[in-house]
Amino acid sequence: MSEAAFIAAHTALASPPLVPELRLHLAGEITPLWLATEDFLAEHNIAPPYWAFPWVGGQALTRHVLNHPELVRGKRVLDFAAGSGMTAIAAALAGAAHVEAAEIDPLARAAILLNADANNVQVHVPLDNVLERPDCPWDVVLAGDVCYEKPMAAAVFAWLRRSAAAGAVVLMADPGRSYLPATGLLRVGGYTVPCSLELEDRTSRDAVVYKIVG
């Protein structure tokens, strides 16, 4: 079974609560998809299906982009650790000149392309690891909910700060994860995001959008 066929078989087009303008291939329940992905993972060495859920930080960042299209209009935009591609799609809808969505998971890459097609926009999916790139060819870098694991948060935040120092506008959204850095952040927005008890420990969370200072 191909990645696209797997996604079509285990998800349905739905709108995240905070961004009803978008339609994404999402899982209605965690457990069935997780079990199905474990079998697919064993055959294809694929990561768990984080791409199939509209995480709180991603929704907040996506809402911020849609509310402030001037941030991305006419710009070269990267959605880092894009998951479903939700924020990348919002950037494209807001008028970005060129949008990339970076993901290392092949299933997520396939989901991004399917979701972009469902929203009638074009999103490019690079195959390299953008963290290893020495340059920053984007005007805007967006990252939603990336501070949930200590090693990843440290590496990603260092790269985001380098991108800001290189001249990019770097925005990151976070709902209070454990490894959010204590410095280098300027609050630019905040959103209350409805969420599932399957994903979080409550039915809504407050997420803050930060601008990263290089």
N, C-alpha and C. Protein backbone atom coordinates (compact mmCIF):
# COMPACT_ATOMS: atom_id res chain seq x y z
N MET A 1 0.84 -1.19 0.00
CA MET A 1 0.00 0.00 0.00
C MET A 1 0.88 1.25 0.00
N SER A 2 0.59 2.20 -0.86
CA SER A 2 1.36 3.43 -0.92
C SER A 2 1.03 4.33 0.27
N GLU A 3 1.89 5.34 0.50
CA GLU A 3 1.62 6.29 1.57
C GLU A 3 0.28 6.99 1.36
N ALA A 4 0.02 7.44 0.14
CA ALA A 4 -1.22 8.16 -0.14
C ALA A 4 -2.44 7.27 0.09
N ALA A 5 -2.34 6.01 -0.32
CA ALA A 5 -3.46 5.08 -0.13
C ALA A 5 -3.68 4.80 1.36
N PHE A 6 -2.60 4.68 2.13
CA PHE A 6 -2.73 4.47 3.56
C PHE A 6 -3.44 5.64 4.22
N ILE A 7 -3.05 6.86 3.85
CA ILE A 7 -3.66 8.06 4.43
C ILE A 7 -5.14 8.12 4.08
N ALA A 8 -5.47 7.86 2.83
CA ALA A 8 -6.87 7.91 2.40
C ALA A 8 -7.71 6.87 3.14
N ALA A 9 -7.11 5.72 3.44
CA ALA A 9 -7.86 4.64 4.09
C ALA A 9 -8.09 4.87 5.58
N HIS A 10 -7.25 5.70 6.21
CA HIS A 10 -7.31 5.82 7.66
C HIS A 10 -7.63 7.23 8.16
N THR A 11 -7.97 8.14 7.26
CA THR A 11 -8.33 9.49 7.67
C THR A 11 -9.55 9.96 6.89
N ALA A 12 -10.06 11.11 7.28
CA ALA A 12 -11.15 11.75 6.54
C ALA A 12 -10.88 13.24 6.49
N LEU A 13 -11.36 13.89 5.45
CA LEU A 13 -11.19 15.34 5.35
C LEU A 13 -12.04 16.01 6.43
N ALA A 14 -11.40 16.85 7.23
CA ALA A 14 -12.09 17.55 8.31
C ALA A 14 -11.38 18.88 8.56
N SER A 15 -12.05 19.76 9.29
CA SER A 15 -11.50 21.08 9.58
C SER A 15 -11.06 21.15 11.04
N PRO A 16 -9.84 21.62 11.33
CA PRO A 16 -9.43 21.83 12.72
C PRO A 16 -10.31 22.89 13.36
N PRO A 17 -10.58 22.81 14.67
CA PRO A 17 -11.51 23.73 15.32
C PRO A 17 -11.17 25.20 15.15
N LEU A 18 -9.89 25.56 15.26
CA LEU A 18 -9.51 26.97 15.22
C LEU A 18 -9.33 27.50 13.80
N VAL A 19 -9.24 26.61 12.83
CA VAL A 19 -9.03 27.04 11.44
C VAL A 19 -10.03 26.34 10.52
N PRO A 20 -11.31 26.66 10.63
CA PRO A 20 -12.33 25.97 9.82
C PRO A 20 -12.21 26.24 8.33
N GLU A 21 -11.37 27.21 7.94
CA GLU A 21 -11.17 27.47 6.51
C GLU A 21 -10.45 26.32 5.81
N LEU A 22 -9.71 25.53 6.55
CA LEU A 22 -8.90 24.47 5.97
C LEU A 22 -9.59 23.12 6.04
N ARG A 23 -9.26 22.26 5.09
CA ARG A 23 -9.71 20.87 5.09
C ARG A 23 -8.47 19.99 5.04
N LEU A 24 -8.34 19.11 6.02
CA LEU A 24 -7.15 18.28 6.13
C LEU A 24 -7.54 16.82 6.31
N HIS A 25 -6.65 15.93 5.88
CA HIS A 25 -6.82 14.50 6.13
C HIS A 25 -6.43 14.23 7.58
N LEU A 26 -7.44 14.05 8.44
CA LEU A 26 -7.21 13.90 9.87
C LEU A 26 -7.82 12.59 10.37
N ALA A 27 -7.28 12.11 11.48
CA ALA A 27 -7.81 10.90 12.11
C ALA A 27 -8.85 11.29 13.13
N GLY A 28 -9.98 10.61 13.13
CA GLY A 28 -11.02 10.89 14.11
C GLY A 28 -10.68 10.39 15.49
N GLU A 29 -9.95 9.29 15.58
CA GLU A 29 -9.54 8.71 16.85
C GLU A 29 -8.07 8.33 16.78
N ILE A 30 -7.41 8.39 17.91
CA ILE A 30 -5.98 8.08 17.93
C ILE A 30 -5.70 6.59 17.81
N THR A 31 -6.36 5.77 18.64
CA THR A 31 -5.97 4.37 18.78
C THR A 31 -6.04 3.57 17.48
N PRO A 32 -7.14 3.61 16.71
CA PRO A 32 -7.16 2.81 15.47
C PRO A 32 -6.05 3.18 14.51
N LEU A 33 -5.79 4.48 14.33
CA LEU A 33 -4.73 4.88 13.40
C LEU A 33 -3.37 4.50 13.95
N TRP A 34 -3.18 4.66 15.25
CA TRP A 34 -1.88 4.30 15.84
C TRP A 34 -1.58 2.82 15.63
N LEU A 35 -2.58 1.98 15.85
CA LEU A 35 -2.38 0.54 15.66
C LEU A 35 -2.11 0.21 14.20
N ALA A 36 -2.87 0.84 13.30
CA ALA A 36 -2.66 0.60 11.88
C ALA A 36 -1.28 1.07 11.45
N THR A 37 -0.84 2.19 12.01
CA THR A 37 0.47 2.72 11.64
C THR A 37 1.59 1.86 12.18
N GLU A 38 1.38 1.21 13.32
CA GLU A 38 2.40 0.31 13.85
C GLU A 38 2.69 -0.82 12.87
N ASP A 39 1.64 -1.36 12.24
CA ASP A 39 1.84 -2.40 11.23
C ASP A 39 2.56 -1.84 10.02
N PHE A 40 2.12 -0.66 9.58
CA PHE A 40 2.74 -0.02 8.41
C PHE A 40 4.18 0.36 8.73
N LEU A 41 4.43 0.80 9.98
CA LEU A 41 5.77 1.18 10.41
C LEU A 41 6.71 -0.02 10.32
N ALA A 42 6.23 -1.17 10.75
CA ALA A 42 7.08 -2.36 10.73
C ALA A 42 7.53 -2.71 9.32
N GLU A 43 6.66 -2.45 8.34
CA GLU A 43 6.99 -2.77 6.96
C GLU A 43 7.82 -1.69 6.28
N HIS A 44 7.61 -0.42 6.66
CA HIS A 44 8.21 0.68 5.92
C HIS A 44 9.12 1.57 6.77
N ASN A 45 9.31 1.27 8.04
CA ASN A 45 10.15 2.08 8.93
C ASN A 45 9.65 3.52 8.99
N ILE A 46 8.35 3.67 9.25
CA ILE A 46 7.70 4.97 9.28
C ILE A 46 7.46 5.38 10.73
N ALA A 47 7.52 6.68 11.00
CA ALA A 47 7.29 7.21 12.35
C ALA A 47 5.81 7.17 12.73
N PRO A 48 5.49 7.29 14.02
CA PRO A 48 4.07 7.36 14.45
C PRO A 48 3.34 8.51 13.76
N PRO A 49 2.00 8.46 13.69
CA PRO A 49 1.24 9.38 12.83
C PRO A 49 0.93 10.73 13.47
N TYR A 50 1.97 11.45 13.86
CA TYR A 50 1.75 12.78 14.44
C TYR A 50 1.10 13.72 13.42
N TRP A 51 1.31 13.45 12.14
CA TRP A 51 0.79 14.30 11.07
C TRP A 51 -0.74 14.26 10.98
N ALA A 52 -1.38 13.29 11.61
CA ALA A 52 -2.82 13.08 11.42
C ALA A 52 -3.68 13.84 12.43
N PHE A 53 -3.04 14.68 13.27
CA PHE A 53 -3.78 15.38 14.30
C PHE A 53 -3.43 16.87 14.29
N PRO A 54 -4.42 17.74 14.51
CA PRO A 54 -4.18 19.19 14.49
C PRO A 54 -3.69 19.68 15.84
N TRP A 55 -2.39 19.62 16.09
CA TRP A 55 -1.83 19.95 17.39
C TRP A 55 -2.08 21.42 17.73
N VAL A 56 -2.15 21.68 19.02
CA VAL A 56 -2.56 22.99 19.51
C VAL A 56 -1.66 24.12 19.00
N GLY A 57 -0.35 23.94 19.12
CA GLY A 57 0.56 24.99 18.66
C GLY A 57 0.43 25.25 17.17
N GLY A 58 0.27 24.19 16.40
CA GLY A 58 0.10 24.34 14.96
C GLY A 58 -1.17 25.10 14.61
N GLN A 59 -2.25 24.81 15.33
CA GLN A 59 -3.50 25.52 15.07
C GLN A 59 -3.36 27.01 15.39
N ALA A 60 -2.71 27.32 16.51
CA ALA A 60 -2.54 28.72 16.88
C ALA A 60 -1.71 29.47 15.85
N LEU A 61 -0.63 28.85 15.40
CA LEU A 61 0.23 29.50 14.41
C LEU A 61 -0.51 29.67 13.08
N THR A 62 -1.27 28.66 12.70
CA THR A 62 -2.04 28.73 11.46
C THR A 62 -3.07 29.85 11.53
N ARG A 63 -3.78 29.94 12.66
CA ARG A 63 -4.75 31.01 12.85
C ARG A 63 -4.08 32.38 12.76
N HIS A 64 -2.89 32.49 13.34
CA HIS A 64 -2.15 33.76 13.33
C HIS A 64 -1.79 34.16 11.89
N VAL A 65 -1.36 33.20 11.11
CA VAL A 65 -1.02 33.49 9.71
C VAL A 65 -2.25 33.93 8.93
N LEU A 66 -3.37 33.25 9.13
CA LEU A 66 -4.59 33.62 8.42
C LEU A 66 -5.12 34.99 8.88
N ASN A 67 -4.94 35.30 10.15
CA ASN A 67 -5.38 36.59 10.67
C ASN A 67 -4.46 37.74 10.24
N HIS A 68 -3.21 37.41 9.94
CA HIS A 68 -2.22 38.44 9.59
C HIS A 68 -1.52 38.05 8.28
N PRO A 69 -2.24 38.05 7.18
CA PRO A 69 -1.65 37.59 5.90
C PRO A 69 -0.46 38.42 5.45
N GLU A 70 -0.36 39.66 5.94
CA GLU A 70 0.77 40.51 5.56
C GLU A 70 2.11 39.92 6.00
N LEU A 71 2.08 39.03 6.98
CA LEU A 71 3.31 38.39 7.45
C LEU A 71 3.97 37.55 6.37
N VAL A 72 3.16 36.96 5.49
CA VAL A 72 3.69 36.01 4.51
C VAL A 72 3.43 36.42 3.06
N ARG A 73 2.57 37.40 2.83
CA ARG A 73 2.18 37.74 1.46
C ARG A 73 3.41 38.13 0.63
N GLY A 74 3.56 37.43 -0.51
CA GLY A 74 4.67 37.71 -1.40
C GLY A 74 6.02 37.19 -0.93
N LYS A 75 6.03 36.43 0.17
CA LYS A 75 7.30 35.98 0.77
C LYS A 75 7.59 34.51 0.46
N ARG A 76 8.85 34.15 0.68
CA ARG A 76 9.28 32.75 0.64
C ARG A 76 9.14 32.20 2.07
N VAL A 77 8.33 31.16 2.23
CA VAL A 77 7.95 30.71 3.56
C VAL A 77 8.31 29.23 3.76
N LEU A 78 8.84 28.92 4.95
CA LEU A 78 9.07 27.54 5.35
C LEU A 78 8.22 27.22 6.56
N ASP A 79 7.48 26.12 6.49
CA ASP A 79 6.78 25.55 7.64
C ASP A 79 7.63 24.39 8.13
N PHE A 80 8.28 24.55 9.29
CA PHE A 80 9.20 23.54 9.80
C PHE A 80 8.47 22.53 10.67
N ALA A 81 8.87 21.24 10.55
CA ALA A 81 8.19 20.16 11.27
C ALA A 81 6.69 20.29 11.03
N ALA A 82 6.34 20.28 9.75
CA ALA A 82 5.03 20.74 9.30
C ALA A 82 3.87 19.82 9.64
N GLY A 83 4.14 18.54 9.93
CA GLY A 83 3.05 17.63 10.25
C GLY A 83 2.11 17.47 9.08
N SER A 84 0.89 17.93 9.22
CA SER A 84 -0.11 17.84 8.15
C SER A 84 0.09 18.89 7.07
N GLY A 85 0.98 19.85 7.33
CA GLY A 85 1.15 20.97 6.39
C GLY A 85 0.15 22.08 6.62
N MET A 86 -0.53 22.06 7.75
CA MET A 86 -1.60 23.01 8.04
C MET A 86 -1.14 24.46 7.93
N THR A 87 -0.01 24.80 8.55
CA THR A 87 0.45 26.19 8.54
C THR A 87 0.99 26.57 7.17
N ALA A 88 1.63 25.64 6.49
CA ALA A 88 2.10 25.90 5.13
C ALA A 88 0.94 26.22 4.20
N ILE A 89 -0.14 25.47 4.33
CA ILE A 89 -1.33 25.70 3.51
C ILE A 89 -1.91 27.07 3.80
N ALA A 90 -1.95 27.45 5.08
CA ALA A 90 -2.44 28.78 5.45
C ALA A 90 -1.59 29.87 4.82
N ALA A 91 -0.26 29.67 4.82
CA ALA A 91 0.63 30.65 4.20
C ALA A 91 0.35 30.79 2.71
N ALA A 92 0.13 29.67 2.05
CA ALA A 92 -0.19 29.71 0.63
C ALA A 92 -1.52 30.44 0.38
N LEU A 93 -2.52 30.14 1.21
CA LEU A 93 -3.81 30.81 1.08
C LEU A 93 -3.69 32.31 1.36
N ALA A 94 -2.74 32.68 2.21
CA ALA A 94 -2.54 34.09 2.57
C ALA A 94 -1.71 34.85 1.55
N GLY A 95 -1.28 34.17 0.49
CA GLY A 95 -0.60 34.87 -0.59
C GLY A 95 0.91 34.77 -0.62
N ALA A 96 1.50 33.82 0.09
CA ALA A 96 2.95 33.63 0.03
C ALA A 96 3.37 33.30 -1.40
N ALA A 97 4.55 33.80 -1.79
CA ALA A 97 5.03 33.57 -3.15
C ALA A 97 5.50 32.14 -3.36
N HIS A 98 6.09 31.56 -2.35
CA HIS A 98 6.62 30.19 -2.45
C HIS A 98 6.58 29.58 -1.05
N VAL A 99 6.01 28.39 -0.92
CA VAL A 99 5.85 27.76 0.38
C VAL A 99 6.48 26.38 0.38
N GLU A 100 7.29 26.12 1.40
CA GLU A 100 7.85 24.79 1.61
C GLU A 100 7.40 24.27 2.98
N ALA A 101 7.22 22.96 3.06
CA ALA A 101 6.84 22.31 4.31
C ALA A 101 7.84 21.21 4.57
N ALA A 102 8.63 21.37 5.62
CA ALA A 102 9.71 20.43 5.92
C ALA A 102 9.24 19.35 6.88
N GLU A 103 9.45 18.10 6.49
CA GLU A 103 9.12 16.94 7.31
C GLU A 103 10.08 15.80 6.95
N ILE A 104 10.47 15.01 7.97
CA ILE A 104 11.35 13.88 7.70
C ILE A 104 10.57 12.58 7.56
N ASP A 105 9.29 12.58 7.93
CA ASP A 105 8.45 11.38 7.88
C ASP A 105 7.81 11.26 6.50
N PRO A 106 8.06 10.17 5.76
CA PRO A 106 7.46 10.02 4.43
C PRO A 106 5.94 10.07 4.42
N LEU A 107 5.28 9.54 5.46
CA LEU A 107 3.82 9.62 5.52
C LEU A 107 3.37 11.06 5.67
N ALA A 108 4.07 11.83 6.49
CA ALA A 108 3.73 13.24 6.65
C ALA A 108 3.92 13.98 5.33
N ARG A 109 4.99 13.68 4.63
CA ARG A 109 5.22 14.33 3.33
C ARG A 109 4.07 14.06 2.37
N ALA A 110 3.63 12.81 2.35
CA ALA A 110 2.50 12.46 1.48
C ALA A 110 1.23 13.16 1.93
N ALA A 111 1.02 13.25 3.24
CA ALA A 111 -0.17 13.93 3.77
C ALA A 111 -0.15 15.41 3.41
N ILE A 112 1.01 16.04 3.49
CA ILE A 112 1.12 17.46 3.14
C ILE A 112 0.67 17.70 1.70
N LEU A 113 1.14 16.86 0.79
CA LEU A 113 0.77 17.03 -0.62
C LEU A 113 -0.72 16.80 -0.83
N LEU A 114 -1.27 15.78 -0.16
CA LEU A 114 -2.71 15.53 -0.27
C LEU A 114 -3.51 16.69 0.30
N ASN A 115 -3.07 17.21 1.43
CA ASN A 115 -3.79 18.32 2.06
C ASN A 115 -3.68 19.60 1.24
N ALA A 116 -2.53 19.84 0.66
CA ALA A 116 -2.39 21.02 -0.20
C ALA A 116 -3.35 20.92 -1.39
N ASP A 117 -3.42 19.75 -1.97
CA ASP A 117 -4.33 19.54 -3.09
C ASP A 117 -5.78 19.74 -2.67
N ALA A 118 -6.14 19.29 -1.47
CA ALA A 118 -7.51 19.43 -0.99
C ALA A 118 -7.90 20.89 -0.77
N ASN A 119 -6.87 21.75 -0.58
CA ASN A 119 -7.13 23.17 -0.37
C ASN A 119 -6.77 24.02 -1.58
N ASN A 120 -6.47 23.35 -2.69
CA ASN A 120 -6.20 24.02 -3.96
C ASN A 120 -5.04 25.01 -3.89
N VAL A 121 -3.97 24.60 -3.18
CA VAL A 121 -2.76 25.42 -3.12
C VAL A 121 -1.56 24.54 -3.44
N GLN A 122 -0.44 25.20 -3.70
CA GLN A 122 0.80 24.47 -3.99
C GLN A 122 1.77 24.63 -2.84
N VAL A 123 2.22 23.49 -2.31
CA VAL A 123 3.21 23.46 -1.25
C VAL A 123 4.31 22.51 -1.67
N HIS A 124 5.54 22.96 -1.57
CA HIS A 124 6.69 22.13 -1.94
C HIS A 124 7.22 21.42 -0.69
N VAL A 125 7.64 20.18 -0.86
CA VAL A 125 8.13 19.38 0.26
C VAL A 125 9.58 18.98 -0.01
N PRO A 126 10.54 19.67 0.61
CA PRO A 126 11.95 19.31 0.39
C PRO A 126 12.27 17.95 0.99
N LEU A 127 13.18 17.24 0.36
CA LEU A 127 13.54 15.91 0.83
C LEU A 127 14.75 15.91 1.75
N ASP A 128 15.47 17.03 1.81
CA ASP A 128 16.64 17.09 2.68
C ASP A 128 16.24 17.52 4.09
N ASN A 129 17.15 17.40 5.02
CA ASN A 129 16.94 17.85 6.39
C ASN A 129 17.33 19.32 6.46
N VAL A 130 16.35 20.21 6.61
CA VAL A 130 16.65 21.64 6.56
C VAL A 130 17.54 22.08 7.72
N LEU A 131 17.55 21.33 8.82
CA LEU A 131 18.43 21.68 9.94
C LEU A 131 19.90 21.60 9.56
N GLU A 132 20.21 20.85 8.51
CA GLU A 132 21.59 20.68 8.08
C GLU A 132 22.00 21.68 7.01
N ARG A 133 21.08 22.54 6.60
CA ARG A 133 21.39 23.53 5.57
C ARG A 133 22.20 24.67 6.17
N PRO A 134 23.27 25.11 5.49
CA PRO A 134 24.08 26.21 6.03
C PRO A 134 23.45 27.58 5.78
N ASP A 135 22.51 27.66 4.85
CA ASP A 135 21.91 28.94 4.50
C ASP A 135 20.47 29.02 4.99
N CYS A 136 19.85 30.18 4.80
CA CYS A 136 18.43 30.36 5.13
C CYS A 136 17.79 31.11 3.95
N PRO A 137 17.28 30.37 2.97
CA PRO A 137 16.73 31.01 1.77
C PRO A 137 15.30 31.50 1.92
N TRP A 138 14.75 31.48 3.14
CA TRP A 138 13.35 31.86 3.35
C TRP A 138 13.26 33.23 4.01
N ASP A 139 12.19 33.93 3.68
CA ASP A 139 11.91 35.21 4.33
C ASP A 139 11.21 35.01 5.67
N VAL A 140 10.42 33.94 5.76
CA VAL A 140 9.64 33.65 6.96
C VAL A 140 9.78 32.17 7.28
N VAL A 141 10.07 31.86 8.54
CA VAL A 141 10.13 30.48 9.01
C VAL A 141 9.09 30.32 10.12
N LEU A 142 8.24 29.31 9.98
CA LEU A 142 7.15 29.05 10.92
C LEU A 142 7.34 27.69 11.58
N ALA A 143 7.13 27.62 12.90
CA ALA A 143 7.28 26.35 13.61
C ALA A 143 6.22 26.27 14.70
N GLY A 144 5.40 25.25 14.65
CA GLY A 144 4.34 25.08 15.65
C GLY A 144 4.57 23.88 16.53
N ASP A 145 4.57 24.11 17.85
CA ASP A 145 4.59 22.99 18.82
C ASP A 145 5.80 22.08 18.65
N VAL A 146 7.01 22.63 18.80
CA VAL A 146 8.23 21.84 18.62
C VAL A 146 9.04 21.69 19.91
N CYS A 147 8.48 22.07 21.06
CA CYS A 147 9.25 22.06 22.30
C CYS A 147 8.80 20.98 23.28
N TYR A 148 8.33 19.86 22.75
CA TYR A 148 7.81 18.80 23.62
C TYR A 148 8.86 17.76 24.00
N GLU A 149 10.03 17.81 23.39
CA GLU A 149 11.10 16.84 23.67
C GLU A 149 12.40 17.62 23.81
N LYS A 150 13.15 17.36 24.87
CA LYS A 150 14.30 18.20 25.21
C LYS A 150 15.37 18.27 24.12
N PRO A 151 15.90 17.14 23.61
CA PRO A 151 16.95 17.25 22.59
C PRO A 151 16.47 17.97 21.33
N MET A 152 15.24 17.66 20.88
CA MET A 152 14.72 18.32 19.69
C MET A 152 14.54 19.81 19.93
N ALA A 153 13.97 20.17 21.06
CA ALA A 153 13.72 21.59 21.34
C ALA A 153 15.01 22.39 21.33
N ALA A 154 16.07 21.86 21.92
CA ALA A 154 17.34 22.58 21.96
C ALA A 154 17.92 22.75 20.56
N ALA A 155 17.93 21.68 19.78
CA ALA A 155 18.50 21.75 18.43
C ALA A 155 17.68 22.65 17.52
N VAL A 156 16.37 22.52 17.60
CA VAL A 156 15.50 23.30 16.72
C VAL A 156 15.57 24.78 17.09
N PHE A 157 15.55 25.10 18.39
CA PHE A 157 15.55 26.50 18.77
C PHE A 157 16.87 27.17 18.37
N ALA A 158 17.98 26.46 18.49
CA ALA A 158 19.26 27.02 18.05
C ALA A 158 19.22 27.32 16.56
N TRP A 159 18.64 26.40 15.77
CA TRP A 159 18.53 26.62 14.32
C TRP A 159 17.57 27.77 14.00
N LEU A 160 16.48 27.86 14.74
CA LEU A 160 15.54 28.96 14.52
C LEU A 160 16.18 30.30 14.83
N ARG A 161 16.98 30.36 15.86
CA ARG A 161 17.66 31.61 16.19
C ARG A 161 18.69 31.97 15.12
N ARG A 162 19.36 30.97 14.56
CA ARG A 162 20.29 31.25 13.47
C ARG A 162 19.55 31.78 12.25
N SER A 163 18.37 31.22 12.00
CA SER A 163 17.56 31.68 10.87
C SER A 163 17.12 33.12 11.08
N ALA A 164 16.76 33.47 12.32
CA ALA A 164 16.39 34.85 12.62
C ALA A 164 17.59 35.78 12.47
N ALA A 165 18.76 35.33 12.92
CA ALA A 165 19.97 36.14 12.78
C ALA A 165 20.34 36.35 11.32
N ALA A 166 19.95 35.39 10.46
CA ALA A 166 20.25 35.51 9.03
C ALA A 166 19.27 36.44 8.32
N GLY A 167 18.26 36.92 9.03
CA GLY A 167 17.34 37.89 8.44
C GLY A 167 15.91 37.42 8.27
N ALA A 168 15.62 36.16 8.56
CA ALA A 168 14.25 35.66 8.41
C ALA A 168 13.39 36.12 9.58
N VAL A 169 12.11 36.30 9.31
CA VAL A 169 11.14 36.48 10.38
C VAL A 169 10.76 35.08 10.84
N VAL A 170 10.99 34.76 12.11
CA VAL A 170 10.78 33.42 12.63
C VAL A 170 9.70 33.47 13.70
N LEU A 171 8.62 32.72 13.47
CA LEU A 171 7.51 32.65 14.42
C LEU A 171 7.36 31.22 14.90
N MET A 172 7.14 31.08 16.21
CA MET A 172 6.94 29.77 16.81
C MET A 172 5.75 29.84 17.75
N ALA A 173 4.90 28.83 17.73
CA ALA A 173 3.76 28.79 18.63
C ALA A 173 3.94 27.65 19.63
N ASP A 174 3.53 27.91 20.87
CA ASP A 174 3.72 26.90 21.91
C ASP A 174 2.61 27.01 22.96
N PRO A 175 2.05 25.86 23.39
CA PRO A 175 0.99 25.87 24.40
C PRO A 175 1.49 25.59 25.81
N GLY A 176 2.74 25.92 26.08
CA GLY A 176 3.29 25.69 27.41
C GLY A 176 3.97 24.35 27.56
N ARG A 177 4.63 23.90 26.52
CA ARG A 177 5.37 22.64 26.61
C ARG A 177 6.56 22.77 27.56
N SER A 178 7.05 21.63 28.00
CA SER A 178 8.06 21.60 29.06
C SER A 178 9.37 22.26 28.67
N TYR A 179 9.73 22.22 27.40
CA TYR A 179 11.07 22.63 27.01
C TYR A 179 11.08 23.93 26.20
N LEU A 180 10.07 24.76 26.41
CA LEU A 180 10.05 26.08 25.79
C LEU A 180 11.20 26.90 26.36
N PRO A 181 12.06 27.49 25.52
CA PRO A 181 13.17 28.29 26.02
C PRO A 181 12.68 29.48 26.85
N ALA A 182 13.50 29.89 27.79
CA ALA A 182 13.12 30.98 28.69
C ALA A 182 13.50 32.35 28.12
N THR A 183 14.36 32.38 27.12
CA THR A 183 14.81 33.66 26.56
C THR A 183 14.75 33.60 25.03
N GLY A 184 14.88 34.76 24.42
CA GLY A 184 14.93 34.84 22.96
C GLY A 184 13.57 34.83 22.30
N LEU A 185 12.50 35.07 23.08
CA LEU A 185 11.14 35.00 22.56
C LEU A 185 10.41 36.32 22.81
N LEU A 186 9.70 36.80 21.82
CA LEU A 186 8.86 37.98 21.93
C LEU A 186 7.43 37.60 21.60
N ARG A 187 6.53 37.73 22.55
CA ARG A 187 5.13 37.36 22.33
C ARG A 187 4.49 38.30 21.32
N VAL A 188 3.84 37.71 20.30
CA VAL A 188 3.15 38.52 19.29
C VAL A 188 1.68 38.15 19.15
N GLY A 189 1.22 37.11 19.84
CA GLY A 189 -0.18 36.71 19.75
C GLY A 189 -0.49 35.58 20.69
N GLY A 190 -1.77 35.37 20.94
CA GLY A 190 -2.20 34.27 21.79
C GLY A 190 -3.59 33.81 21.41
N TYR A 191 -3.84 32.50 21.52
CA TYR A 191 -5.10 31.91 21.09
C TYR A 191 -5.51 30.80 22.05
N THR A 192 -6.80 30.70 22.31
CA THR A 192 -7.35 29.57 23.04
C THR A 192 -7.82 28.55 22.02
N VAL A 193 -7.27 27.35 22.10
CA VAL A 193 -7.48 26.34 21.06
C VAL A 193 -8.29 25.16 21.63
N PRO A 194 -9.48 24.88 21.09
CA PRO A 194 -10.19 23.66 21.50
C PRO A 194 -9.36 22.43 21.14
N CYS A 195 -9.36 21.43 22.00
CA CYS A 195 -8.57 20.23 21.71
C CYS A 195 -9.23 19.00 22.31
N SER A 196 -8.77 17.85 21.86
CA SER A 196 -9.31 16.58 22.28
C SER A 196 -8.60 16.07 23.53
N LEU A 197 -9.34 15.42 24.42
CA LEU A 197 -8.71 14.80 25.58
C LEU A 197 -7.83 13.64 25.19
N GLU A 198 -7.96 13.15 23.98
CA GLU A 198 -7.05 12.11 23.50
C GLU A 198 -5.66 12.67 23.24
N LEU A 199 -5.59 13.98 22.96
CA LEU A 199 -4.31 14.59 22.65
C LEU A 199 -3.73 15.40 23.80
N GLU A 200 -4.61 16.02 24.59
CA GLU A 200 -4.17 16.88 25.67
C GLU A 200 -4.87 16.46 26.97
N ASP A 201 -4.52 17.15 28.05
CA ASP A 201 -5.11 16.82 29.36
C ASP A 201 -6.29 17.71 29.70
N ARG A 202 -6.81 18.43 28.69
CA ARG A 202 -7.95 19.32 28.90
C ARG A 202 -8.63 19.54 27.56
N THR A 203 -9.78 20.20 27.57
CA THR A 203 -10.55 20.38 26.33
C THR A 203 -10.18 21.66 25.58
N SER A 204 -9.34 22.49 26.16
CA SER A 204 -8.79 23.64 25.44
C SER A 204 -7.47 24.03 26.08
N ARG A 205 -6.61 24.63 25.28
CA ARG A 205 -5.32 25.11 25.80
C ARG A 205 -5.05 26.48 25.22
N ASP A 206 -4.35 27.29 25.99
CA ASP A 206 -3.92 28.58 25.51
C ASP A 206 -2.54 28.43 24.87
N ALA A 207 -2.42 28.88 23.64
CA ALA A 207 -1.15 28.79 22.92
C ALA A 207 -0.67 30.20 22.57
N VAL A 208 0.61 30.43 22.73
CA VAL A 208 1.21 31.74 22.47
C VAL A 208 2.03 31.66 21.19
N VAL A 209 1.91 32.70 20.37
CA VAL A 209 2.76 32.83 19.19
C VAL A 209 3.89 33.79 19.52
N TYR A 210 5.11 33.33 19.30
CA TYR A 210 6.31 34.11 19.61
C TYR A 210 7.07 34.44 18.34
N LYS A 211 7.69 35.61 18.35
CA LYS A 211 8.72 35.93 17.36
C LYS A 211 10.06 35.64 18.00
N ILE A 212 10.91 34.93 17.28
CA ILE A 212 12.21 34.54 17.81
C ILE A 212 13.24 35.60 17.44
N VAL A 213 14.00 36.00 18.44
CA VAL A 213 15.02 37.01 18.26
C VAL A 213 16.35 36.33 18.03
N GLY A 214 17.02 36.67 16.94
CA GLY A 214 18.29 36.02 16.60
C GLY A 214 19.45 36.48 17.46
